Amino acid sequence: MPKRVLVFLAEGFEEVEAVTPIDYLRRCGIEVTVTAVGKSLAVKGSHGIQIAADTLLESLLAEGKLVSSAWDGVVVPGGLPGADNLAASKETGGFIKEMAVGGKLICAICAAPARVLSPLGLLKGRNFTCFPGEEEKVISPSSASYGAQWKENRVIVDGPFITSRGAGTAGEFACAIVEKLTGEGEKLADRVLLLKAP
């Protein structure tokens, strides 16, 4: 049975950070459901590129499918105001917290670790990375995730959490997700000619 991953999109998402994982995961036979957090399946990114989602968040809720038992992982793109729009959705936050409790894979990139995961208290005691400057929201004593350790790495895997820095690291981020779910991340990196350090 293929692994199942939900990718959230809200108005103002960073396009590369969403499309790269969607593409790479689907190349590896992972079932990806692109879910719009809003009233329309058409979601406009932070650079004006519009993506058609597979379903609406409210549809998954109505069908009883927004439950951690139905999914192996969730991907949260960054971008502004996309990350803030996701953080403002109680249903999105509730689902991500339920996934964390279930030990499911939680993947966030760019502003999303700081603006979506951190306010939920999910990064406390964990190593993470994010877009430069966003870490201040996480490591501040007033943060719900105070005690998290920020690292400058392009991708950080800490247990079931994968965090990454931004659009330029989206390929590595996606390969890390594939590796965690199928063990084929290295093979995928070779297949797409992902640039590696010399």
Foldseek 3Di string as FASTA:
>chain_A
DAAEEEEEWEAAFAVLLRVLLVVLCVVVVHHYFYEYADDAQWHAHNVGDTDGGNYYPVVCVVVVNLALVNHQEYEYTDGPPTLQSLQPDPSSLVSVVRNVVVQGAYEYEALNCLRRVFQSLNQALEEEEHAPPSCCSRCPPVISNNNHHYDPDQWDDTRRYIYGYHSVSSLVSSLVVCCVRPVCSVVSCVVVVPDDDD
